[in-house]
C-alpha atoms as a PDB file:
ATOM      1  CA  MET A   1      27.652   4.690  15.798  1.00  0.00           C
ATOM      2  CA  ALA A   2      23.811   5.114  17.189  1.00  0.00           C
ATOM      3  CA  TRP A   3      22.545   4.283  13.314  1.00  0.00           C
ATOM      4  CA  LEU A   4      25.096   1.329  13.093  1.00  0.00           C
ATOM      5  CA  LEU A   5      23.166  -0.424  16.426  1.00  0.00           C
ATOM      6  CA  LEU A   6      20.028   0.726  15.581  1.00  0.00           C
ATOM      7  CA  ILE A   7      20.370  -0.803  11.810  1.00  0.00           C
ATOM      8  CA  VAL A   8      21.949  -4.104  13.694  1.00  0.00           C
ATOM      9  CA  ALA A   9      19.015  -3.656  16.170  1.00  0.00           C
ATOM     10  CA  GLY A  10      16.885  -4.272  13.787  1.00  0.00           C
ATOM     11  CA  LEU A  11      18.064  -7.371  11.851  1.00  0.00           C
ATOM     12  CA  ILE A  12      18.572  -8.833  15.250  1.00  0.00           C
ATOM     13  CA  GLU A  13      14.666  -8.216  15.753  1.00  0.00           C
ATOM     14  CA  ALA A  14      13.753  -9.842  12.414  1.00  0.00           C
ATOM     15  CA  GLY A  15      15.768 -13.025  13.356  1.00  0.00           C
ATOM     16  CA  TRP A  16      14.201 -13.416  16.706  1.00  0.00           C
ATOM     17  CA  ALA A  17      10.831 -12.321  14.743  1.00  0.00           C
ATOM     18  CA  VAL A  18      11.277 -15.568  13.028  1.00  0.00           C
ATOM     19  CA  GLY A  19      12.723 -17.654  15.812  1.00  0.00           C
ATOM     20  CA  LEU A  20       9.202 -17.154  16.623  1.00  0.00           C
ATOM     21  CA  LYS A  21       7.642 -20.094  14.439  1.00  0.00           C
ATOM     22  CA  PHE A  22      10.473 -22.223  15.824  1.00  0.00           C
ATOM     23  CA  THR A  23      10.074 -22.458  19.143  1.00  0.00           C
ATOM     24  CA  ASP A  24       6.495 -23.644  18.600  1.00  0.00           C
ATOM     25  CA  GLY A  25       5.069 -21.424  21.500  1.00  0.00           C
ATOM     26  CA  PHE A  26       8.322 -21.216  23.635  1.00  0.00           C
ATOM     27  CA  THR A  27       8.404 -25.456  24.156  1.00  0.00           C
ATOM     28  CA  LYS A  28      11.352 -26.057  22.135  1.00  0.00           C
ATOM     29  CA  PHE A  29      14.612 -25.388  24.459  1.00  0.00           C
ATOM     30  CA  TRP A  30      17.323 -24.040  22.216  1.00  0.00           C
ATOM     31  CA  PRO A  31      14.544 -21.972  19.905  1.00  0.00           C
ATOM     32  CA  SER A  32      13.019 -20.363  22.566  1.00  0.00           C
ATOM     33  CA  LEU A  33      16.510 -19.704  24.169  1.00  0.00           C
ATOM     34  CA  PHE A  34      17.956 -18.173  21.215  1.00  0.00           C
ATOM     35  CA  THR A  35      14.837 -16.039  20.543  1.00  0.00           C
ATOM     36  CA  ILE A  36      14.723 -14.766  23.967  1.00  0.00           C
ATOM     37  CA  LEU A  37      18.670 -13.747  23.571  1.00  0.00           C
ATOM     38  CA  GLY A  38      17.557 -11.922  20.291  1.00  0.00           C
ATOM     39  CA  ILE A  39      14.955 -10.516  22.072  1.00  0.00           C
ATOM     40  CA  VAL A  40      17.120  -9.275  24.565  1.00  0.00           C
ATOM     41  CA  ALA A  41      20.185  -7.970  22.229  1.00  0.00           C
ATOM     42  CA  SER A  42      18.248  -6.317  20.308  1.00  0.00           C
ATOM     43  CA  MET A  43      15.959  -4.482  22.768  1.00  0.00           C
ATOM     44  CA  ILE A  44      19.339  -3.654  24.345  1.00  0.00           C
ATOM     45  CA  LEU A  45      20.664  -1.900  21.077  1.00  0.00           C
ATOM     46  CA  LEU A  46      17.574  -0.240  20.097  1.00  0.00           C
ATOM     47  CA  SER A  47      17.871   1.572  23.748  1.00  0.00           C
ATOM     48  CA  ILE A  48      21.461   2.004  23.771  1.00  0.00           C
ATOM     49  CA  ALA A  49      20.965   3.865  20.235  1.00  0.00           C
ATOM     50  CA  ALA A  50      17.963   5.695  21.385  1.00  0.00           C
ATOM     51  CA  ARG A  51      20.119   7.709  23.341  1.00  0.00           C
ATOM     52  CA  THR A  52      20.919  10.015  20.633  1.00  0.00           C
ATOM     53  CA  LEU A  53      18.430   9.616  18.179  1.00  0.00           C
ATOM     54  CA  PRO A  54      14.440  10.877  18.281  1.00  0.00           C
ATOM     55  CA  ILE A  55      12.426   7.573  20.102  1.00  0.00           C
ATOM     56  CA  GLY A  56      10.088   8.186  17.597  1.00  0.00           C
ATOM     57  CA  THR A  57      12.259   7.895  14.487  1.00  0.00           C
ATOM     58  CA  ALA A  58      14.316   5.053  16.397  1.00  0.00           C
ATOM     59  CA  TYR A  59      11.762   2.738  17.056  1.00  0.00           C
ATOM     60  CA  ALA A  60      10.000   3.306  13.108  1.00  0.00           C
ATOM     61  CA  VAL A  61      13.351   1.933  11.883  1.00  0.00           C
ATOM     62  CA  TRP A  62      13.443  -0.605  13.725  1.00  0.00           C
ATOM     63  CA  VAL A  63      10.320  -1.939  13.776  1.00  0.00           C
ATOM     64  CA  GLY A  64      10.793  -1.053   9.859  1.00  0.00           C
ATOM     65  CA  ILE A  65      13.679  -2.924   9.255  1.00  0.00           C
ATOM     66  CA  GLY A  66      12.494  -5.745  11.710  1.00  0.00           C
ATOM     67  CA  ALA A  67       9.064  -5.859   9.523  1.00  0.00           C
ATOM     68  CA  ALA A  68      11.306  -5.825   6.173  1.00  0.00           C
ATOM     69  CA  GLY A  69      13.644  -8.720   7.146  1.00  0.00           C
ATOM     70  CA  ALA A  70      11.079 -10.695   8.669  1.00  0.00           C
ATOM     71  CA  VAL A  71       9.450 -10.580   5.726  1.00  0.00           C
ATOM     72  CA  LEU A  72      12.650 -11.624   3.361  1.00  0.00           C
ATOM     73  CA  LEU A  73      13.209 -14.145   5.557  1.00  0.00           C
ATOM     74  CA  GLY A  74       9.900 -15.805   5.545  1.00  0.00           C
ATOM     75  CA  ILE A  75      10.165 -15.824   1.903  1.00  0.00           C
ATOM     76  CA  VAL A  76      13.877 -17.069   1.941  1.00  0.00           C
ATOM     77  CA  LEU A  77      13.844 -19.575   4.856  1.00  0.00           C
ATOM     78  CA  LEU A  78      10.408 -20.618   5.161  1.00  0.00           C
ATOM     79  CA  GLY A  79       9.359 -20.912   1.776  1.00  0.00           C
ATOM     80  CA  GLU A  80       6.307 -18.361   1.722  1.00  0.00           C
ATOM     81  CA  PRO A  81       4.737 -16.685  -0.647  1.00  0.00           C
ATOM     82  CA  VAL A  82       6.250 -14.181  -2.905  1.00  0.00           C
ATOM     83  CA  SER A  83       4.222 -11.692  -5.212  1.00  0.00           C
ATOM     84  CA  PRO A  84       5.449  -8.386  -7.105  1.00  0.00           C
ATOM     85  CA  ALA A  85       2.875  -6.488  -4.054  1.00  0.00           C
ATOM     86  CA  ARG A  86       4.770  -7.707  -1.308  1.00  0.00           C
ATOM     87  CA  ILE A  87       7.770  -7.038  -2.927  1.00  0.00           C
ATOM     88  CA  PHE A  88       6.612  -3.203  -3.849  1.00  0.00           C
ATOM     89  CA  PHE A  89       5.600  -3.075  -0.381  1.00  0.00           C
ATOM     90  CA  ILE A  90       8.613  -4.361   1.307  1.00  0.00           C
ATOM     91  CA  CYS A  91      10.317  -1.245  -0.911  1.00  0.00           C
ATOM     92  CA  LEU A  92       8.341   1.576   0.261  1.00  0.00           C
ATOM     93  CA  LEU A  93       8.755   0.115   3.523  1.00  0.00           C
ATOM     94  CA  LEU A  94      12.789   0.315   3.326  1.00  0.00           C
ATOM     95  CA  ILE A  95      12.564   3.656   1.338  1.00  0.00           C
ATOM     96  CA  ALA A  96      10.341   4.925   4.465  1.00  0.00           C
ATOM     97  CA  ILE A  97      13.050   4.053   6.916  1.00  0.00           C
ATOM     98  CA  VAL A  98      15.746   6.314   4.368  1.00  0.00           C
ATOM     99  CA  GLY A  99      13.839   8.613   4.481  1.00  0.00           C
ATOM    100  CA  LEU A 100      13.419   9.063   8.320  1.00  0.00           C
ATOM    101  CA  LYS A 101      17.504   8.441   8.361  1.00  0.00           C
ATOM    102  CA  PHE A 102      17.972  11.284   5.758  1.00  0.00           C
ATOM    103  CA  SER A 103      15.275  13.237   7.697  1.00  0.00           C
ATOM    104  CA  SER A 104      16.444  12.913  11.212  1.00  0.00           C
ATOM    105  CA  HIS A 105      19.303  15.091  12.502  1.00  0.00           C
END
């Protein structure tokens, strides 16, 4: 269950990271509200998962999912550039996340 919560927390992190783009420096109410709620929800889920998982592993996986997700959402939703190198390094990041999952007890 902790791993599932951690994955959801990472996905929410990707969402709020992209949401920052729409807040216009927290000057737009609704995007800011949803971004802040995403930050809080993501942190709560991370903290619950960290009750069971080692904090180093949990944090690294959370950040990794968030970073990879933010890059992918940026490409899909915001028209950010895509290149073979970007895709390759996102794949490396995801491989590292899976490696942390299988190497943790």
